[in-house]
Amino acid sequence: MYPHEPLARHTTYRIGGPARFFVRVDTLSALEQLIAACAAQGVPWTVLGRGSNVLVADRGYDGVVINLGRDFRRHRLVEESNTIVAGAGCSLSVVVQEAFRRSLAGMEFAVGTPGSLGGALRMNAGTATDWIGQRVASVTVLEPDGTLVRRRGDEVEWGYRHTSFAPDEVILECELSVKPADPFFIRGKMEALVRRRKGSQPLGARCCGSVFKNPEGKSAAQLIEACGLKGTVAGDAQISPVHANFIVNRGKATARDVSDLMVLIQTKVRETYGIELQPEVRFLGFS
């Protein structure tokens, strides 16, 4: 348990003030006890994976930030059913590489996608044509009252950057359906995706990924670029010159810098096109 832990250390933005407590839990029992203690004391809590889709307020978060450790970072292959069983704390990239190593297709779409498996499940991460919800055979969650619930994949609502998981239930584990395939086919798909992303996204920059959801039938990046905002700066944050739907931290950006650019983008797109862009990034610690 780490009191007053700077959350900038735990987000891909490298932005954010301290949490009241930052706690890594290694077992289900420890997780259950911690959530029960928070409930008893009236202390807010949240689960944070690898911090790849979150903007933490400069003042931090006045609650407990939970990180899923050891037991939640394990994965295994069930050959009989061609499924990968993985904990929510697993890195998504680890799951992708495990599938590739075993010549199993189905996870190529997630190559190069940062973050934890739990975070990917909660936001239904993916591309325009492939997303993780399509691969989920089952998912196990911990409900606020301490009940463990296992749901079939088709019992979860999977939408564009949206799922039916409740905010106060913790995703613990899932089964991902994969299938044997030619390893050269899998490698080819993965390499093509990586090349495309290298050419169109600011890979390696301090950012959270796409900031806004794409409106139906439109591209948020194209709308932002058409408003002439590509490259715009606020403090040490910048609308990426590479991809207009990315806001990057050039070194010392604050959450205020990023949020100022987000408000500017929303205002300009609304005034120009009458479209209200919806954030994809998750906010933590903002009132």
C-alpha atoms as a PDB file:
ATOM      1  CA  MET A   1       0.000   0.000   0.000  1.00  0.00           C
ATOM      2  CA  TYR A   2       1.418   3.360  -1.069  1.00  0.00           C
ATOM      3  CA  PRO A   3      -0.085   6.544   0.418  1.00  0.00           C
ATOM      4  CA  HIS A   4      -0.104   9.694  -1.722  1.00  0.00           C
ATOM      5  CA  GLU A   5       1.292   7.815  -4.706  1.00  0.00           C
ATOM      6  CA  PRO A   6       1.680  10.060  -7.806  1.00  0.00           C
ATOM      7  CA  LEU A   7      -0.549   8.559 -10.482  1.00  0.00           C
ATOM      8  CA  ALA A   8       1.626  10.091 -13.195  1.00  0.00           C
ATOM      9  CA  ARG A   9       3.856   7.071 -12.555  1.00  0.00           C
ATOM     10  CA  HIS A  10       1.018   4.741 -13.523  1.00  0.00           C
ATOM     11  CA  THR A  11      -0.458   6.309 -16.663  1.00  0.00           C
ATOM     12  CA  THR A  12       0.806   6.363 -20.242  1.00  0.00           C
ATOM     13  CA  TYR A  13       0.219  10.124 -20.269  1.00  0.00           C
ATOM     14  CA  ARG A  14       2.659  10.498 -17.348  1.00  0.00           C
ATOM     15  CA  ILE A  15       0.163  13.009 -15.976  1.00  0.00           C
ATOM     16  CA  GLY A  16      -1.764  13.057 -12.704  1.00  0.00           C
ATOM     17  CA  GLY A  17      -1.622  13.962  -9.040  1.00  0.00           C
ATOM     18  CA  PRO A  18      -1.539  11.558  -6.089  1.00  0.00           C
ATOM     19  CA  ALA A  19      -4.054   8.940  -5.027  1.00  0.00           C
ATOM     20  CA  ARG A  20      -4.949   8.792  -1.337  1.00  0.00           C
ATOM     21  CA  PHE A  21      -3.719   5.206  -1.505  1.00  0.00           C
ATOM     22  CA  PHE A  22      -2.360   3.068  -4.330  1.00  0.00           C
ATOM     23  CA  VAL A  23      -2.744  -0.634  -3.568  1.00  0.00           C
ATOM     24  CA  ARG A  24      -1.582  -3.629  -5.570  1.00  0.00           C
ATOM     25  CA  VAL A  25      -3.614  -6.725  -4.679  1.00  0.00           C
ATOM     26  CA  ASP A  26      -2.231 -10.142  -5.575  1.00  0.00           C
ATOM     27  CA  THR A  27      -5.131 -12.398  -4.584  1.00  0.00           C
ATOM     28  CA  LEU A  28      -8.914 -12.482  -4.800  1.00  0.00           C
ATOM     29  CA  SER A  29      -9.146 -12.596  -1.007  1.00  0.00           C
ATOM     30  CA  ALA A  30      -7.073  -9.425  -0.674  1.00  0.00           C
ATOM     31  CA  LEU A  31      -9.220  -7.690  -3.284  1.00  0.00           C
ATOM     32  CA  GLU A  32     -12.438  -8.647  -1.519  1.00  0.00           C
ATOM     33  CA  GLN A  33     -11.121  -7.441   1.841  1.00  0.00           C
ATOM     34  CA  LEU A  34      -9.928  -4.143   0.412  1.00  0.00           C
ATOM     35  CA  ILE A  35     -13.230  -3.359  -1.314  1.00  0.00           C
ATOM     36  CA  ALA A  36     -15.158  -4.291   1.847  1.00  0.00           C
ATOM     37  CA  ALA A  37     -12.927  -1.987   3.909  1.00  0.00           C
ATOM     38  CA  CYS A  38     -13.444   0.876   1.463  1.00  0.00           C
ATOM     39  CA  ALA A  39     -17.207   0.358   1.629  1.00  0.00           C
ATOM     40  CA  ALA A  40     -17.174   0.291   5.427  1.00  0.00           C
ATOM     41  CA  GLN A  41     -15.188   3.551   5.583  1.00  0.00           C
ATOM     42  CA  GLY A  42     -17.065   5.260   2.757  1.00  0.00           C
ATOM     43  CA  VAL A  43     -13.864   5.655   0.744  1.00  0.00           C
ATOM     44  CA  PRO A  44     -14.196   5.708  -3.043  1.00  0.00           C
ATOM     45  CA  TRP A  45     -12.107   3.251  -5.043  1.00  0.00           C
ATOM     46  CA  THR A  46     -11.304   2.435  -8.620  1.00  0.00           C
ATOM     47  CA  VAL A  47      -9.313  -0.167 -10.526  1.00  0.00           C
ATOM     48  CA  LEU A  48      -6.467   1.065 -12.693  1.00  0.00           C
ATOM     49  CA  GLY A  49      -4.696  -1.239 -15.128  1.00  0.00           C
ATOM     50  CA  ARG A  50      -1.804   0.132 -17.136  1.00  0.00           C
ATOM     51  CA  GLY A  51      -3.284   3.610 -17.345  1.00  0.00           C
ATOM     52  CA  SER A  52      -3.442   3.724 -21.134  1.00  0.00           C
ATOM     53  CA  ASN A  53      -6.905   5.230 -21.523  1.00  0.00           C
ATOM     54  CA  VAL A  54      -7.115   7.565 -18.556  1.00  0.00           C
ATOM     55  CA  LEU A  55      -6.496  11.210 -17.727  1.00  0.00           C
ATOM     56  CA  VAL A  56      -5.890  11.819 -14.019  1.00  0.00           C
ATOM     57  CA  ALA A  57      -6.601  15.265 -12.561  1.00  0.00           C
ATOM     58  CA  ASP A  58      -3.654  17.380 -11.459  1.00  0.00           C
ATOM     59  CA  ARG A  59      -4.975  17.302  -7.908  1.00  0.00           C
ATOM     60  CA  GLY A  60      -5.106  13.512  -8.014  1.00  0.00           C
ATOM     61  CA  TYR A  61      -7.779  11.144  -6.743  1.00  0.00           C
ATOM     62  CA  ASP A  62      -9.084  11.246  -3.175  1.00  0.00           C
ATOM     63  CA  GLY A  63      -9.645   7.538  -2.911  1.00  0.00           C
ATOM     64  CA  VAL A  64      -8.038   4.126  -3.292  1.00  0.00           C
ATOM     65  CA  VAL A  65      -6.572   3.110  -6.631  1.00  0.00           C
ATOM     66  CA  ILE A  66      -6.440  -0.674  -6.977  1.00  0.00           C
ATOM     67  CA  ASN A  67      -3.976  -2.421  -9.253  1.00  0.00           C
ATOM     68  CA  LEU A  68      -4.456  -6.126  -9.965  1.00  0.00           C
ATOM     69  CA  GLY A  69      -1.242  -8.042  -9.277  1.00  0.00           C
ATOM     70  CA  ARG A  70       0.138 -11.589  -9.306  1.00  0.00           C
ATOM     71  CA  ASP A  71      -2.898 -13.904  -9.444  1.00  0.00           C
ATOM     72  CA  PHE A  72      -4.661 -11.626 -11.915  1.00  0.00           C
ATOM     73  CA  ARG A  73      -1.749 -11.583 -14.368  1.00  0.00           C
ATOM     74  CA  ARG A  74      -1.693 -15.272 -15.170  1.00  0.00           C
ATOM     75  CA  HIS A  75      -2.779 -16.844 -18.432  1.00  0.00           C
ATOM     76  CA  ARG A  76      -3.031 -20.337 -19.842  1.00  0.00           C
ATOM     77  CA  LEU A  77      -4.182 -22.118 -22.962  1.00  0.00           C
ATOM     78  CA  VAL A  78      -7.057 -24.611 -22.799  1.00  0.00           C
ATOM     79  CA  GLU A  79      -6.340 -26.756 -25.839  1.00  0.00           C
ATOM     80  CA  GLU A  80      -9.615 -28.709 -25.716  1.00  0.00           C
ATOM     81  CA  SER A  81     -11.661 -25.574 -26.288  1.00  0.00           C
ATOM     82  CA  ASN A  82      -9.072 -23.416 -28.081  1.00  0.00           C
ATOM     83  CA  THR A  83      -9.410 -20.685 -25.482  1.00  0.00           C
ATOM     84  CA  ILE A  84      -6.911 -18.529 -23.672  1.00  0.00           C
ATOM     85  CA  VAL A  85      -7.880 -17.999 -20.041  1.00  0.00           C
ATOM     86  CA  ALA A  86      -6.297 -14.799 -18.770  1.00  0.00           C
ATOM     87  CA  GLY A  87      -6.544 -12.569 -15.732  1.00  0.00           C
ATOM     88  CA  ALA A  88      -7.687  -8.987 -16.087  1.00  0.00           C
ATOM     89  CA  GLY A  89      -4.303  -7.736 -14.913  1.00  0.00           C
ATOM     90  CA  CYS A  90      -2.523  -9.337 -17.883  1.00  0.00           C
ATOM     91  CA  SER A  91      -0.976  -7.018 -20.383  1.00  0.00           C
ATOM     92  CA  LEU A  92      -2.998  -7.171 -23.593  1.00  0.00           C
ATOM     93  CA  SER A  93       0.244  -7.419 -25.541  1.00  0.00           C
ATOM     94  CA  VAL A  94       1.216 -10.549 -23.576  1.00  0.00           C
ATOM     95  CA  VAL A  95      -2.040 -12.237 -24.594  1.00  0.00           C
ATOM     96  CA  VAL A  96      -1.536 -11.234 -28.247  1.00  0.00           C
ATOM     97  CA  GLN A  97       2.000 -12.595 -28.290  1.00  0.00           C
ATOM     98  CA  GLU A  98       0.971 -15.825 -26.543  1.00  0.00           C
ATOM     99  CA  ALA A  99      -1.641 -16.460 -29.209  1.00  0.00           C
ATOM    100  CA  PHE A 100       0.900 -15.770 -31.942  1.00  0.00           C
ATOM    101  CA  ARG A 101       3.514 -18.006 -30.300  1.00  0.00           C
ATOM    102  CA  ARG A 102       1.046 -20.888 -30.365  1.00  0.00           C
ATOM    103  CA  SER A 103      -0.126 -20.156 -33.944  1.00  0.00           C
ATOM    104  CA  LEU A 104      -3.605 -19.190 -32.788  1.00  0.00           C
ATOM    105  CA  ALA A 105      -5.584 -16.570 -34.688  1.00  0.00           C
ATOM    106  CA  GLY A 106      -8.123 -14.101 -33.347  1.00  0.00           C
ATOM    107  CA  MET A 107      -6.111 -11.546 -31.385  1.00  0.00           C
ATOM    108  CA  GLU A 108      -4.097  -9.940 -34.191  1.00  0.00           C
ATOM    109  CA  PHE A 109      -6.285  -6.812 -34.164  1.00  0.00           C
ATOM    110  CA  ALA A 110      -4.884  -5.900 -30.733  1.00  0.00           C
ATOM    111  CA  VAL A 111      -1.196  -5.954 -31.703  1.00  0.00           C
ATOM    112  CA  GLY A 112       0.502  -2.809 -30.464  1.00  0.00           C
ATOM    113  CA  THR A 113      -2.468  -1.853 -28.289  1.00  0.00           C
ATOM    114  CA  PRO A 114      -1.254  -0.833 -24.825  1.00  0.00           C
ATOM    115  CA  GLY A 115      -3.062  -1.492 -21.594  1.00  0.00           C
ATOM    116  CA  SER A 116      -4.386  -4.379 -19.562  1.00  0.00           C
ATOM    117  CA  LEU A 117      -6.841  -7.056 -20.628  1.00  0.00           C
ATOM    118  CA  GLY A 118      -9.356  -5.811 -18.049  1.00  0.00           C
ATOM    119  CA  GLY A 119      -9.240  -2.300 -19.462  1.00  0.00           C
ATOM    120  CA  ALA A 120      -9.617  -3.628 -22.994  1.00  0.00           C
ATOM    121  CA  LEU A 121     -12.671  -5.624 -21.955  1.00  0.00           C
ATOM    122  CA  ARG A 122     -14.325  -2.727 -20.162  1.00  0.00           C
ATOM    123  CA  MET A 123     -14.060  -0.406 -23.174  1.00  0.00           C
ATOM    124  CA  ASN A 124     -14.397  -3.146 -25.826  1.00  0.00           C
ATOM    125  CA  ALA A 125     -11.089  -2.182 -27.393  1.00  0.00           C
ATOM    126  CA  GLY A 126     -10.528  -2.888 -31.047  1.00  0.00           C
ATOM    127  CA  THR A 127     -10.656  -1.589 -34.583  1.00  0.00           C
ATOM    128  CA  ALA A 128     -13.572  -0.658 -36.823  1.00  0.00           C
ATOM    129  CA  THR A 129     -13.984  -4.299 -37.848  1.00  0.00           C
ATOM    130  CA  ASP A 130     -12.571  -6.356 -34.951  1.00  0.00           C
ATOM    131  CA  TRP A 131     -12.993  -5.884 -31.229  1.00  0.00           C
ATOM    132  CA  ILE A 132     -12.294  -7.921 -28.149  1.00  0.00           C
ATOM    133  CA  GLY A 133     -15.944  -8.623 -27.347  1.00  0.00           C
ATOM    134  CA  GLN A 134     -16.074 -10.821 -30.442  1.00  0.00           C
ATOM    135  CA  ARG A 135     -13.494 -13.122 -28.848  1.00  0.00           C
ATOM    136  CA  VAL A 136     -14.943 -13.425 -25.346  1.00  0.00           C
ATOM    137  CA  ALA A 137     -16.359 -16.855 -24.492  1.00  0.00           C
ATOM    138  CA  SER A 138     -16.890 -15.939 -20.838  1.00  0.00           C
ATOM    139  CA  VAL A 139     -15.907 -13.317 -18.315  1.00  0.00           C
ATOM    140  CA  THR A 140     -15.778 -13.460 -14.514  1.00  0.00           C
ATOM    141  CA  VAL A 141     -16.500 -10.384 -12.402  1.00  0.00           C
ATOM    142  CA  LEU A 142     -16.622  -9.488  -8.729  1.00  0.00           C
ATOM    143  CA  GLU A 143     -19.805  -7.644  -7.849  1.00  0.00           C
ATOM    144  CA  PRO A 144     -19.894  -4.942  -5.127  1.00  0.00           C
ATOM    145  CA  ASP A 145     -21.515  -7.311  -2.608  1.00  0.00           C
ATOM    146  CA  GLY A 146     -18.636  -9.772  -3.014  1.00  0.00           C
ATOM    147  CA  THR A 147     -20.460 -12.174  -5.331  1.00  0.00           C
ATOM    148  CA  LEU A 148     -18.457 -13.833  -8.095  1.00  0.00           C
ATOM    149  CA  VAL A 149     -20.379 -13.975 -11.373  1.00  0.00           C
ATOM    150  CA  ARG A 150     -19.354 -15.749 -14.573  1.00  0.00           C
ATOM    151  CA  ARG A 151     -21.118 -14.543 -17.709  1.00  0.00           C
ATOM    152  CA  ARG A 152     -21.072 -15.917 -21.202  1.00  0.00           C
ATOM    153  CA  GLY A 153     -19.718 -13.534 -23.778  1.00  0.00           C
ATOM    154  CA  ASP A 154     -23.154 -13.163 -25.365  1.00  0.00           C
ATOM    155  CA  GLU A 155     -24.588 -12.083 -21.993  1.00  0.00           C
ATOM    156  CA  VAL A 156     -22.508  -8.909 -22.121  1.00  0.00           C
ATOM    157  CA  GLU A 157     -23.519  -5.941 -24.248  1.00  0.00           C
ATOM    158  CA  TRP A 158     -20.597  -5.101 -26.549  1.00  0.00           C
ATOM    159  CA  GLY A 159     -20.880  -1.735 -28.280  1.00  0.00           C
ATOM    160  CA  TYR A 160     -18.494   0.752 -29.834  1.00  0.00           C
ATOM    161  CA  ARG A 161     -16.211   1.692 -26.932  1.00  0.00           C
ATOM    162  CA  HIS A 162     -19.009   0.611 -24.614  1.00  0.00           C
ATOM    163  CA  THR A 163     -19.988  -2.450 -22.571  1.00  0.00           C
ATOM    164  CA  SER A 164     -22.643  -3.324 -20.029  1.00  0.00           C
ATOM    165  CA  PHE A 165     -20.180  -3.891 -17.168  1.00  0.00           C
ATOM    166  CA  ALA A 166     -21.259  -1.870 -14.140  1.00  0.00           C
ATOM    167  CA  PRO A 167     -18.765   0.776 -12.933  1.00  0.00           C
ATOM    168  CA  ASP A 168     -18.559  -0.828  -9.483  1.00  0.00           C
ATOM    169  CA  GLU A 169     -17.933  -4.417 -10.565  1.00  0.00           C
ATOM    170  CA  VAL A 170     -14.380  -5.642 -11.072  1.00  0.00           C
ATOM    171  CA  ILE A 171     -13.454  -7.697 -14.121  1.00  0.00           C
ATOM    172  CA  LEU A 172     -11.271 -10.556 -12.901  1.00  0.00           C
ATOM    173  CA  GLU A 173     -10.737 -13.028 -15.744  1.00  0.00           C
ATOM    174  CA  CYS A 174     -11.953 -14.000 -19.179  1.00  0.00           C
ATOM    175  CA  GLU A 175     -11.839 -16.799 -21.737  1.00  0.00           C
ATOM    176  CA  LEU A 176     -10.872 -15.714 -25.239  1.00  0.00           C
ATOM    177  CA  SER A 177     -11.779 -17.879 -28.218  1.00  0.00           C
ATOM    178  CA  VAL A 178      -8.962 -18.396 -30.690  1.00  0.00           C
ATOM    179  CA  LYS A 179      -8.370 -20.880 -33.497  1.00  0.00           C
ATOM    180  CA  PRO A 180      -5.360 -22.598 -35.058  1.00  0.00           C
ATOM    181  CA  ALA A 181      -4.054 -20.870 -38.174  1.00  0.00           C
ATOM    182  CA  ASP A 182      -1.005 -20.588 -40.384  1.00  0.00           C
ATOM    183  CA  PRO A 183       1.611 -18.634 -38.376  1.00  0.00           C
ATOM    184  CA  PHE A 184       2.699 -16.787 -41.529  1.00  0.00           C
ATOM    185  CA  PHE A 185      -0.900 -15.596 -42.010  1.00  0.00           C
ATOM    186  CA  ILE A 186      -1.034 -14.378 -38.399  1.00  0.00           C
ATOM    187  CA  ARG A 187       2.344 -12.663 -38.666  1.00  0.00           C
ATOM    188  CA  GLY A 188       1.330 -10.984 -41.913  1.00  0.00           C
ATOM    189  CA  LYS A 189      -1.815  -9.493 -40.381  1.00  0.00           C
ATOM    190  CA  MET A 190       0.073  -8.280 -37.325  1.00  0.00           C
ATOM    191  CA  GLU A 191       2.890  -6.725 -39.320  1.00  0.00           C
ATOM    192  CA  ALA A 192       0.422  -4.950 -41.621  1.00  0.00           C
ATOM    193  CA  LEU A 193      -1.397  -3.456 -38.631  1.00  0.00           C
ATOM    194  CA  VAL A 194       1.847  -2.346 -37.003  1.00  0.00           C
ATOM    195  CA  ARG A 195       3.003  -0.675 -40.232  1.00  0.00           C
ATOM    196  CA  ARG A 196      -0.296   1.142 -40.583  1.00  0.00           C
ATOM    197  CA  ARG A 197      -0.202   2.378 -36.997  1.00  0.00           C
ATOM    198  CA  LYS A 198       3.422   3.493 -37.274  1.00  0.00           C
ATOM    199  CA  GLY A 199       2.486   5.571 -40.288  1.00  0.00           C
ATOM    200  CA  SER A 200      -0.652   7.121 -38.849  1.00  0.00           C
ATOM    201  CA  GLN A 201      -0.282   7.343 -35.050  1.00  0.00           C
ATOM    202  CA  PRO A 202       2.245   9.012 -32.731  1.00  0.00           C
ATOM    203  CA  LEU A 203       3.604   5.727 -31.400  1.00  0.00           C
ATOM    204  CA  GLY A 204       6.085   6.206 -28.590  1.00  0.00           C
ATOM    205  CA  ALA A 205       4.603   9.550 -27.545  1.00  0.00           C
ATOM    206  CA  ARG A 206       3.141  10.097 -24.100  1.00  0.00           C
ATOM    207  CA  CYS A 207      -0.568   9.890 -24.789  1.00  0.00           C
ATOM    208  CA  CYS A 208      -3.722   7.945 -23.950  1.00  0.00           C
ATOM    209  CA  GLY A 209      -4.594   6.729 -27.438  1.00  0.00           C
ATOM    210  CA  SER A 210      -7.625   8.157 -29.210  1.00  0.00           C
ATOM    211  CA  VAL A 211      -9.186  10.973 -27.197  1.00  0.00           C
ATOM    212  CA  PHE A 212     -12.654  11.050 -28.787  1.00  0.00           C
ATOM    213  CA  LYS A 213     -15.001   8.388 -30.092  1.00  0.00           C
ATOM    214  CA  ASN A 214     -15.750   8.444 -33.790  1.00  0.00           C
ATOM    215  CA  PRO A 215     -19.260   9.814 -34.449  1.00  0.00           C
ATOM    216  CA  GLU A 216     -21.420   7.417 -36.410  1.00  0.00           C
ATOM    217  CA  GLY A 217     -20.254   7.309 -40.008  1.00  0.00           C
ATOM    218  CA  LYS A 218     -17.501   9.877 -39.454  1.00  0.00           C
ATOM    219  CA  SER A 219     -13.896  10.114 -38.285  1.00  0.00           C
ATOM    220  CA  ALA A 220     -13.159  12.246 -35.233  1.00  0.00           C
ATOM    221  CA  ALA A 221      -9.600  12.782 -36.476  1.00  0.00           C
ATOM    222  CA  GLN A 222     -10.787  14.070 -39.857  1.00  0.00           C
ATOM    223  CA  LEU A 223     -13.277  16.455 -38.237  1.00  0.00           C
ATOM    224  CA  ILE A 224     -10.598  17.834 -35.901  1.00  0.00           C
ATOM    225  CA  GLU A 225      -8.069  18.219 -38.720  1.00  0.00           C
ATOM    226  CA  ALA A 226     -10.651  19.915 -40.941  1.00  0.00           C
ATOM    227  CA  CYS A 227     -11.131  22.509 -38.196  1.00  0.00           C
ATOM    228  CA  GLY A 228      -7.439  23.387 -38.543  1.00  0.00           C
ATOM    229  CA  LEU A 229      -6.530  22.182 -35.073  1.00  0.00           C
ATOM    230  CA  LYS A 230      -3.773  19.690 -35.894  1.00  0.00           C
ATOM    231  CA  GLY A 231      -0.609  20.727 -34.042  1.00  0.00           C
ATOM    232  CA  THR A 232      -2.403  23.163 -31.706  1.00  0.00           C
ATOM    233  CA  VAL A 233      -0.655  23.584 -28.342  1.00  0.00           C
ATOM    234  CA  ALA A 234      -1.862  24.327 -24.816  1.00  0.00           C
ATOM    235  CA  GLY A 235       0.914  24.476 -22.250  1.00  0.00           C
ATOM    236  CA  ASP A 236       3.027  21.399 -22.940  1.00  0.00           C
ATOM    237  CA  ALA A 237       0.166  19.388 -24.483  1.00  0.00           C
ATOM    238  CA  GLN A 238      -0.331  19.262 -28.237  1.00  0.00           C
ATOM    239  CA  ILE A 239      -2.904  17.940 -30.680  1.00  0.00           C
ATOM    240  CA  SER A 240      -0.660  15.514 -32.503  1.00  0.00           C
ATOM    241  CA  PRO A 241       0.646  16.636 -35.906  1.00  0.00           C
ATOM    242  CA  VAL A 242       0.567  12.942 -36.848  1.00  0.00           C
ATOM    243  CA  HIS A 243      -3.015  12.072 -35.842  1.00  0.00           C
ATOM    244  CA  ALA A 244      -5.498  14.774 -34.838  1.00  0.00           C
ATOM    245  CA  ASN A 245      -7.415  12.513 -32.426  1.00  0.00           C
ATOM    246  CA  PHE A 246      -4.332  12.097 -30.241  1.00  0.00           C
ATOM    247  CA  ILE A 247      -3.268  14.676 -27.673  1.00  0.00           C
ATOM    248  CA  VAL A 248       0.342  14.179 -26.612  1.00  0.00           C
ATOM    249  CA  ASN A 249       2.337  15.216 -23.572  1.00  0.00           C
ATOM    250  CA  ARG A 250       5.478  16.883 -24.915  1.00  0.00           C
ATOM    251  CA  GLY A 251       7.184  16.573 -21.539  1.00  0.00           C
ATOM    252  CA  LYS A 252       5.583  18.594 -18.762  1.00  0.00           C
ATOM    253  CA  ALA A 253       1.930  18.775 -19.750  1.00  0.00           C
ATOM    254  CA  THR A 254      -0.730  18.947 -17.059  1.00  0.00           C
ATOM    255  CA  ALA A 255      -4.206  17.472 -17.036  1.00  0.00           C
ATOM    256  CA  ARG A 256      -5.464  21.039 -17.372  1.00  0.00           C
ATOM    257  CA  ASP A 257      -3.466  21.459 -20.591  1.00  0.00           C
ATOM    258  CA  VAL A 258      -5.008  18.303 -22.041  1.00  0.00           C
ATOM    259  CA  SER A 259      -8.549  19.138 -20.930  1.00  0.00           C
ATOM    260  CA  ASP A 260      -8.220  22.669 -22.372  1.00  0.00           C
ATOM    261  CA  LEU A 261      -7.391  21.156 -25.765  1.00  0.00           C
ATOM    262  CA  MET A 262     -10.294  18.741 -25.458  1.00  0.00           C
ATOM    263  CA  VAL A 263     -12.715  21.592 -24.775  1.00  0.00           C
ATOM    264  CA  LEU A 264     -11.282  23.537 -27.718  1.00  0.00           C
ATOM    265  CA  ILE A 265     -11.743  20.535 -30.018  1.00  0.00           C
ATOM    266  CA  GLN A 266     -15.320  19.943 -28.887  1.00  0.00           C
ATOM    267  CA  THR A 267     -16.199  23.623 -29.291  1.00  0.00           C
ATOM    268  CA  LYS A 268     -14.724  23.967 -32.781  1.00  0.00           C
ATOM    269  CA  VAL A 269     -16.259  20.716 -34.078  1.00  0.00           C
ATOM    270  CA  ARG A 270     -19.653  21.641 -32.614  1.00  0.00           C
ATOM    271  CA  GLU A 271     -19.552  25.137 -34.133  1.00  0.00           C
ATOM    272  CA  THR A 272     -18.363  23.894 -37.526  1.00  0.00           C
ATOM    273  CA  TYR A 273     -20.288  20.632 -37.954  1.00  0.00           C
ATOM    274  CA  GLY A 274     -22.962  20.601 -35.256  1.00  0.00           C
ATOM    275  CA  ILE A 275     -21.445  17.391 -33.872  1.00  0.00           C
ATOM    276  CA  GLU A 276     -20.797  16.842 -30.176  1.00  0.00           C
ATOM    277  CA  LEU A 277     -17.668  14.708 -29.852  1.00  0.00           C
ATOM    278  CA  GLN A 278     -17.790  12.246 -26.955  1.00  0.00           C
ATOM    279  CA  PRO A 279     -14.596  11.503 -25.006  1.00  0.00           C
ATOM    280  CA  GLU A 280     -13.115   8.043 -25.252  1.00  0.00           C
ATOM    281  CA  VAL A 281     -10.588   8.777 -22.522  1.00  0.00           C
ATOM    282  CA  ARG A 282     -11.639   8.018 -18.937  1.00  0.00           C
ATOM    283  CA  PHE A 283     -11.386  10.877 -16.405  1.00  0.00           C
ATOM    284  CA  LEU A 284     -10.195  10.217 -12.856  1.00  0.00           C
ATOM    285  CA  GLY A 285     -10.262  12.743 -10.042  1.00  0.00           C
ATOM    286  CA  PHE A 286     -12.191  15.413 -11.924  1.00  0.00           C
ATOM    287  CA  SER A 287     -15.244  16.899 -10.226  1.00  0.00           C
END
